[in-house]
């Protein structure tokens, strides 16, 4: 795998994590990350 791919994946993960945190507040689903 090229380095750019891994970096992109990490960036995507971070973005998803932020999204999940926001969703937790709205939905009230505690420790369940949505993939």
Protein backbone atom coordinates (compact mmCIF):
# COMPACT_ATOMS: atom_id res chain seq x y z
CA UNK A 1 0.00 0.00 0.00
CA UNK A 2 1.29 3.45 -0.84
CA UNK A 3 1.84 5.89 1.99
CA UNK A 4 -0.74 8.30 0.65
CA UNK A 5 -3.41 5.61 0.97
CA UNK A 6 -2.61 5.01 4.63
CA UNK A 7 -2.55 8.73 5.33
CA UNK A 8 -5.90 9.15 3.62
CA UNK A 9 -7.33 6.29 5.62
CA UNK A 10 -6.13 7.83 8.87
CA UNK A 11 -7.63 11.17 7.90
CA UNK A 12 -10.92 9.45 7.08
CA UNK A 13 -10.87 7.65 10.42
CA UNK A 14 -10.31 10.90 12.28
CA UNK A 15 -13.16 12.52 10.39
CA UNK A 16 -15.46 9.60 11.12
CA UNK A 17 -14.52 9.70 14.77
CA UNK A 18 -15.47 13.36 14.98
CA UNK A 19 -18.74 12.58 13.23
CA UNK A 20 -19.46 9.73 15.61
CA UNK A 21 -18.90 11.99 18.59
CA UNK A 22 -21.38 14.51 17.23
CA UNK A 23 -23.86 11.72 16.49
CA UNK A 24 -23.52 10.38 20.01
CA UNK A 25 -24.77 13.64 21.40
CA UNK A 26 -27.75 13.67 19.05
CA UNK A 27 -28.67 9.97 19.05
CA UNK A 28 -27.52 9.19 22.56
CA UNK A 29 -25.81 5.96 21.53
CA UNK A 30 -22.87 5.70 23.87
CA UNK A 31 -19.93 3.46 22.95
CA UNK A 32 -21.07 2.26 19.56
CA UNK A 33 -19.02 3.59 16.61
CA UNK A 34 -20.75 3.48 13.26
CA UNK A 35 -18.61 2.24 10.39
